[in-house]
Amino acid sequence: MLIISGCNKREIYEYIDKLLAKYDADKTGMADHALESSGGSIVSTRCTETFNPRTRLESIFGMPLWYSSYSPRTVIQPHISPGECWAFKGSVGSLVIQLSGVVNITGFSYEHIPKSLSPDGNIDSAPRQFSVYVSIYIFALVVMVVIQIMAVLFSVKFLILRYFFIPNLGPLFDRRDLF
């Protein structure tokens, strides 16, 4: 057997398979508390309007069958294919996501198709800038406080996944607002 740095070939292949399985699952190896199938939900889009409810015509052999529509719920579903996104009117949008439960937020990830998967190599519709806010309900004061915990500005080049660590804020959060 081939030995590389104390590992045999079989161990290396098993390790690579493990890494590929993790990457294929969700690319982070961490729980996704915003994912709809895990209990996350869309609370509001505030004043943001969906661009066109009938966004894509599905057809077989050139025969039109139906229109696919992508609502704000698409954001919290595991899609990462060209055209499977929530398009909204204008250049600024808001989205309020209810997490699956009370969690201590330590980071968040953002996914968009890379240029290599775009049919025409264009990803101009990918968000370039966004902020993350959390809402904290303080029971003793019966008040809700909104705190900005992250502001991000992307360059034009975009990877499939970006993960952002958030410093330990102490309290537990159960909702995050994406503006």
C-alpha atoms as a PDB file:
ATOM      1  CA  MET A   1       0.000   0.000   0.000  1.00  0.00           C
ATOM      2  CA  LEU A   2       1.063   3.562  -0.706  1.00  0.00           C
ATOM      3  CA  ILE A   3       1.880   5.447   2.508  1.00  0.00           C
ATOM      4  CA  ILE A   4       1.653   9.264   2.505  1.00  0.00           C
ATOM      5  CA  SER A   5       2.437  11.143   5.722  1.00  0.00           C
ATOM      6  CA  GLY A   6       1.458   8.222   7.923  1.00  0.00           C
ATOM      7  CA  CYS A   7      -1.789   7.483   6.036  1.00  0.00           C
ATOM      8  CA  ASN A   8      -2.405   4.678   3.612  1.00  0.00           C
ATOM      9  CA  LYS A   9      -4.233   5.081   0.305  1.00  0.00           C
ATOM     10  CA  ARG A  10      -7.524   3.689   1.665  1.00  0.00           C
ATOM     11  CA  GLU A  11      -7.529   6.176   4.578  1.00  0.00           C
ATOM     12  CA  ILE A  12      -6.879   9.054   2.195  1.00  0.00           C
ATOM     13  CA  TYR A  13      -9.773   7.987  -0.074  1.00  0.00           C
ATOM     14  CA  GLU A  14     -12.078   7.627   2.951  1.00  0.00           C
ATOM     15  CA  TYR A  15     -11.095  11.098   4.144  1.00  0.00           C
ATOM     16  CA  ILE A  16     -11.702  12.588   0.685  1.00  0.00           C
ATOM     17  CA  ASP A  17     -15.101  10.825   0.490  1.00  0.00           C
ATOM     18  CA  LYS A  18     -15.997  12.242   3.912  1.00  0.00           C
ATOM     19  CA  LEU A  19     -15.046  15.776   2.824  1.00  0.00           C
ATOM     20  CA  LEU A  20     -16.978  15.458  -0.447  1.00  0.00           C
ATOM     21  CA  ALA A  21     -20.065  14.157   1.394  1.00  0.00           C
ATOM     22  CA  LYS A  22     -19.899  17.127   3.781  1.00  0.00           C
ATOM     23  CA  TYR A  23     -19.491  19.555   0.888  1.00  0.00           C
ATOM     24  CA  ASP A  24     -22.321  17.945  -1.056  1.00  0.00           C
ATOM     25  CA  ALA A  25     -24.676  18.066   1.948  1.00  0.00           C
ATOM     26  CA  ASP A  26     -24.576  21.782   2.730  1.00  0.00           C
ATOM     27  CA  LYS A  27     -20.992  22.935   2.307  1.00  0.00           C
ATOM     28  CA  THR A  28     -20.559  23.908   5.970  1.00  0.00           C
ATOM     29  CA  GLY A  29     -21.158  20.805   8.086  1.00  0.00           C
ATOM     30  CA  MET A  30     -23.313  22.871  10.473  1.00  0.00           C
ATOM     31  CA  ALA A  31     -27.026  22.955  11.220  1.00  0.00           C
ATOM     32  CA  ASP A  32     -29.081  25.372   9.101  1.00  0.00           C
ATOM     33  CA  HIS A  33     -31.641  26.938  11.447  1.00  0.00           C
ATOM     34  CA  ALA A  34     -33.131  29.074   8.650  1.00  0.00           C
ATOM     35  CA  LEU A  35     -33.799  26.126   6.323  1.00  0.00           C
ATOM     36  CA  GLU A  36     -37.538  25.633   5.746  1.00  0.00           C
ATOM     37  CA  SER A  37     -37.355  21.853   6.133  1.00  0.00           C
ATOM     38  CA  SER A  38     -35.691  22.394   9.539  1.00  0.00           C
ATOM     39  CA  GLY A  39     -38.464  24.692  10.763  1.00  0.00           C
ATOM     40  CA  GLY A  40     -37.352  28.085   9.459  1.00  0.00           C
ATOM     41  CA  SER A  41     -39.929  30.346   7.838  1.00  0.00           C
ATOM     42  CA  ILE A  42     -40.319  33.659   6.050  1.00  0.00           C
ATOM     43  CA  VAL A  43     -41.976  36.199   8.342  1.00  0.00           C
ATOM     44  CA  SER A  44     -42.008  39.214   6.044  1.00  0.00           C
ATOM     45  CA  THR A  45     -40.487  40.819   2.989  1.00  0.00           C
ATOM     46  CA  ARG A  46     -41.377  44.245   4.377  1.00  0.00           C
ATOM     47  CA  CYS A  47     -42.005  46.452   1.309  1.00  0.00           C
ATOM     48  CA  THR A  48     -40.088  44.225  -1.129  1.00  0.00           C
ATOM     49  CA  GLU A  49     -42.138  42.945  -4.073  1.00  0.00           C
ATOM     50  CA  THR A  50     -41.417  39.778  -6.041  1.00  0.00           C
ATOM     51  CA  PHE A  51     -40.202  40.757  -9.530  1.00  0.00           C
ATOM     52  CA  ASN A  52     -42.301  38.408 -11.639  1.00  0.00           C
ATOM     53  CA  PRO A  53     -44.307  35.591 -10.066  1.00  0.00           C
ATOM     54  CA  ARG A  54     -44.102  33.609 -13.336  1.00  0.00           C
ATOM     55  CA  THR A  55     -40.344  33.644 -13.710  1.00  0.00           C
ATOM     56  CA  ARG A  56     -39.516  30.597 -15.803  1.00  0.00           C
ATOM     57  CA  LEU A  57     -41.394  28.651 -18.467  1.00  0.00           C
ATOM     58  CA  GLU A  58     -40.933  24.890 -18.144  1.00  0.00           C
ATOM     59  CA  SER A  59     -41.167  22.974 -21.412  1.00  0.00           C
ATOM     60  CA  ILE A  60     -40.421  19.586 -22.938  1.00  0.00           C
ATOM     61  CA  PHE A  61     -39.193  19.405 -26.529  1.00  0.00           C
ATOM     62  CA  GLY A  62     -40.092  23.081 -26.946  1.00  0.00           C
ATOM     63  CA  MET A  63     -43.706  22.558 -25.855  1.00  0.00           C
ATOM     64  CA  PRO A  64     -44.616  24.932 -23.005  1.00  0.00           C
ATOM     65  CA  LEU A  65     -46.032  23.151 -19.953  1.00  0.00           C
ATOM     66  CA  TRP A  66     -46.152  25.562 -17.003  1.00  0.00           C
ATOM     67  CA  TYR A  67     -44.480  28.525 -15.384  1.00  0.00           C
ATOM     68  CA  SER A  68     -42.292  27.999 -12.341  1.00  0.00           C
ATOM     69  CA  SER A  69     -42.420  30.703  -9.723  1.00  0.00           C
ATOM     70  CA  TYR A  70     -39.921  31.435  -7.011  1.00  0.00           C
ATOM     71  CA  SER A  71     -41.249  33.166  -3.925  1.00  0.00           C
ATOM     72  CA  PRO A  72     -39.202  34.463  -0.967  1.00  0.00           C
ATOM     73  CA  ARG A  73     -39.435  30.904   0.434  1.00  0.00           C
ATOM     74  CA  THR A  74     -36.852  29.933  -2.196  1.00  0.00           C
ATOM     75  CA  VAL A  75     -34.223  31.681  -0.043  1.00  0.00           C
ATOM     76  CA  ILE A  76     -34.645  29.133   2.765  1.00  0.00           C
ATOM     77  CA  GLN A  77     -34.880  26.066   0.524  1.00  0.00           C
ATOM     78  CA  PRO A  78     -31.846  24.060  -0.629  1.00  0.00           C
ATOM     79  CA  HIS A  79     -31.583  25.327  -4.233  1.00  0.00           C
ATOM     80  CA  ILE A  80     -28.379  26.271  -5.989  1.00  0.00           C
ATOM     81  CA  SER A  81     -29.215  26.032  -9.684  1.00  0.00           C
ATOM     82  CA  PRO A  82     -29.347  28.804 -12.284  1.00  0.00           C
ATOM     83  CA  GLY A  83     -32.715  30.555 -12.261  1.00  0.00           C
ATOM     84  CA  GLU A  84     -33.881  29.078  -8.946  1.00  0.00           C
ATOM     85  CA  CYS A  85     -33.806  32.280  -6.948  1.00  0.00           C
ATOM     86  CA  TRP A  86     -36.111  34.890  -5.492  1.00  0.00           C
ATOM     87  CA  ALA A  87     -36.024  37.895  -7.812  1.00  0.00           C
ATOM     88  CA  PHE A  88     -37.458  41.121  -6.443  1.00  0.00           C
ATOM     89  CA  LYS A  89     -38.264  44.525  -7.929  1.00  0.00           C
ATOM     90  CA  GLY A  90     -35.611  47.207  -7.637  1.00  0.00           C
ATOM     91  CA  SER A  91     -32.085  47.061  -6.305  1.00  0.00           C
ATOM     92  CA  VAL A  92     -32.865  46.937  -2.566  1.00  0.00           C
ATOM     93  CA  GLY A  93     -34.833  44.204  -0.804  1.00  0.00           C
ATOM     94  CA  SER A  94     -35.601  43.039   2.720  1.00  0.00           C
ATOM     95  CA  LEU A  95     -36.334  39.629   4.129  1.00  0.00           C
ATOM     96  CA  VAL A  96     -37.215  38.608   7.691  1.00  0.00           C
ATOM     97  CA  ILE A  97     -36.494  34.968   8.529  1.00  0.00           C
ATOM     98  CA  GLN A  98     -37.848  33.174  11.597  1.00  0.00           C
ATOM     99  CA  LEU A  99     -35.304  30.585  12.676  1.00  0.00           C
ATOM    100  CA  SER A 100     -36.305  27.055  13.645  1.00  0.00           C
ATOM    101  CA  GLY A 101     -35.964  27.819  17.348  1.00  0.00           C
ATOM    102  CA  VAL A 102     -34.030  29.841  19.873  1.00  0.00           C
ATOM    103  CA  VAL A 103     -30.377  29.621  18.856  1.00  0.00           C
ATOM    104  CA  ASN A 104     -27.085  31.286  19.620  1.00  0.00           C
ATOM    105  CA  ILE A 105     -26.070  32.642  16.228  1.00  0.00           C
ATOM    106  CA  THR A 106     -22.337  32.186  15.668  1.00  0.00           C
ATOM    107  CA  GLY A 107     -22.319  32.767  11.931  1.00  0.00           C
ATOM    108  CA  PHE A 108     -24.279  32.610   8.724  1.00  0.00           C
ATOM    109  CA  SER A 109     -23.666  31.543   5.168  1.00  0.00           C
ATOM    110  CA  TYR A 110     -24.756  32.943   1.843  1.00  0.00           C
ATOM    111  CA  GLU A 111     -24.957  30.941  -1.383  1.00  0.00           C
ATOM    112  CA  HIS A 112     -25.287  31.946  -5.020  1.00  0.00           C
ATOM    113  CA  ILE A 113     -24.315  30.143  -8.208  1.00  0.00           C
ATOM    114  CA  PRO A 114     -20.775  30.885  -9.366  1.00  0.00           C
ATOM    115  CA  LYS A 115     -20.001  32.212 -12.849  1.00  0.00           C
ATOM    116  CA  SER A 116     -18.932  28.721 -13.891  1.00  0.00           C
ATOM    117  CA  LEU A 117     -22.511  27.390 -13.424  1.00  0.00           C
ATOM    118  CA  SER A 118     -24.257  30.369 -15.005  1.00  0.00           C
ATOM    119  CA  PRO A 119     -25.426  29.502 -18.555  1.00  0.00           C
ATOM    120  CA  ASP A 120     -24.069  32.786 -19.950  1.00  0.00           C
ATOM    121  CA  GLY A 121     -21.321  33.372 -17.368  1.00  0.00           C
ATOM    122  CA  ASN A 122     -23.244  36.329 -15.961  1.00  0.00           C
ATOM    123  CA  ILE A 123     -24.090  36.700 -12.262  1.00  0.00           C
ATOM    124  CA  ASP A 124     -24.916  40.409 -12.259  1.00  0.00           C
ATOM    125  CA  SER A 125     -28.148  39.685 -10.379  1.00  0.00           C
ATOM    126  CA  ALA A 126     -26.222  38.334  -7.358  1.00  0.00           C
ATOM    127  CA  PRO A 127     -26.472  40.612  -4.323  1.00  0.00           C
ATOM    128  CA  ARG A 128     -23.351  42.713  -3.880  1.00  0.00           C
ATOM    129  CA  GLN A 129     -24.126  44.188  -0.506  1.00  0.00           C
ATOM    130  CA  PHE A 130     -26.241  43.107   2.431  1.00  0.00           C
ATOM    131  CA  SER A 131     -26.582  43.519   6.166  1.00  0.00           C
ATOM    132  CA  VAL A 132     -27.661  41.078   8.841  1.00  0.00           C
ATOM    133  CA  TYR A 133     -29.708  42.190  11.815  1.00  0.00           C
ATOM    134  CA  VAL A 134     -31.060  40.244  14.764  1.00  0.00           C
ATOM    135  CA  SER A 135     -34.147  41.005  16.799  1.00  0.00           C
ATOM    136  CA  ILE A 136     -33.912  40.432  20.514  1.00  0.00           C
ATOM    137  CA  TYR A 137     -37.037  40.366  22.616  1.00  0.00           C
ATOM    138  CA  ILE A 138     -36.246  41.391  26.184  1.00  0.00           C
ATOM    139  CA  PHE A 139     -38.989  39.881  28.323  1.00  0.00           C
ATOM    140  CA  ALA A 140     -38.244  41.942  31.440  1.00  0.00           C
ATOM    141  CA  LEU A 141     -38.673  45.216  29.544  1.00  0.00           C
ATOM    142  CA  VAL A 142     -41.303  43.933  27.074  1.00  0.00           C
ATOM    143  CA  VAL A 143     -39.382  45.486  24.207  1.00  0.00           C
ATOM    144  CA  MET A 144     -37.788  44.251  20.995  1.00  0.00           C
ATOM    145  CA  VAL A 145     -34.361  45.578  20.042  1.00  0.00           C
ATOM    146  CA  VAL A 146     -32.862  45.260  16.551  1.00  0.00           C
ATOM    147  CA  ILE A 147     -29.064  45.101  16.310  1.00  0.00           C
ATOM    148  CA  GLN A 148     -26.951  45.095  13.152  1.00  0.00           C
ATOM    149  CA  ILE A 149     -24.372  42.339  13.479  1.00  0.00           C
ATOM    150  CA  MET A 150     -22.857  42.264   9.992  1.00  0.00           C
ATOM    151  CA  ALA A 151     -22.539  44.390   6.849  1.00  0.00           C
ATOM    152  CA  VAL A 152     -20.998  42.781   3.761  1.00  0.00           C
ATOM    153  CA  LEU A 153     -19.899  44.194   0.408  1.00  0.00           C
ATOM    154  CA  PHE A 154     -18.946  41.632  -2.270  1.00  0.00           C
ATOM    155  CA  SER A 155     -16.648  42.099  -5.208  1.00  0.00           C
ATOM    156  CA  VAL A 156     -17.954  41.060  -8.628  1.00  0.00           C
ATOM    157  CA  LYS A 157     -16.176  37.693  -8.372  1.00  0.00           C
ATOM    158  CA  PHE A 158     -18.365  35.367  -6.360  1.00  0.00           C
ATOM    159  CA  LEU A 159     -17.768  31.961  -4.870  1.00  0.00           C
ATOM    160  CA  ILE A 160     -20.612  29.468  -4.468  1.00  0.00           C
ATOM    161  CA  LEU A 161     -20.580  29.817  -0.674  1.00  0.00           C
ATOM    162  CA  ARG A 162     -19.479  32.487   1.762  1.00  0.00           C
ATOM    163  CA  TYR A 163     -19.505  31.796   5.488  1.00  0.00           C
ATOM    164  CA  PHE A 164     -19.285  34.622   8.000  1.00  0.00           C
ATOM    165  CA  PHE A 165     -18.415  34.215  11.669  1.00  0.00           C
ATOM    166  CA  ILE A 166     -20.164  36.495  14.109  1.00  0.00           C
ATOM    167  CA  PRO A 167     -18.528  37.439  17.415  1.00  0.00           C
ATOM    168  CA  ASN A 168     -20.158  35.979  20.508  1.00  0.00           C
ATOM    169  CA  LEU A 169     -22.963  38.379  21.361  1.00  0.00           C
ATOM    170  CA  GLY A 170     -24.048  36.562  24.492  1.00  0.00           C
ATOM    171  CA  PRO A 171     -27.871  36.515  24.287  1.00  0.00           C
ATOM    172  CA  LEU A 172     -29.886  33.962  22.354  1.00  0.00           C
ATOM    173  CA  PHE A 173     -31.658  35.000  19.162  1.00  0.00           C
ATOM    174  CA  ASP A 174     -34.626  33.476  17.387  1.00  0.00           C
ATOM    175  CA  ARG A 175     -34.996  35.762  14.378  1.00  0.00           C
ATOM    176  CA  ARG A 176     -32.624  37.434  11.984  1.00  0.00           C
ATOM    177  CA  ASP A 177     -33.490  40.124   9.491  1.00  0.00           C
ATOM    178  CA  LEU A 178     -31.645  40.321   6.183  1.00  0.00           C
ATOM    179  CA  PHE A 179     -31.731  43.744   4.558  1.00  0.00           C
END
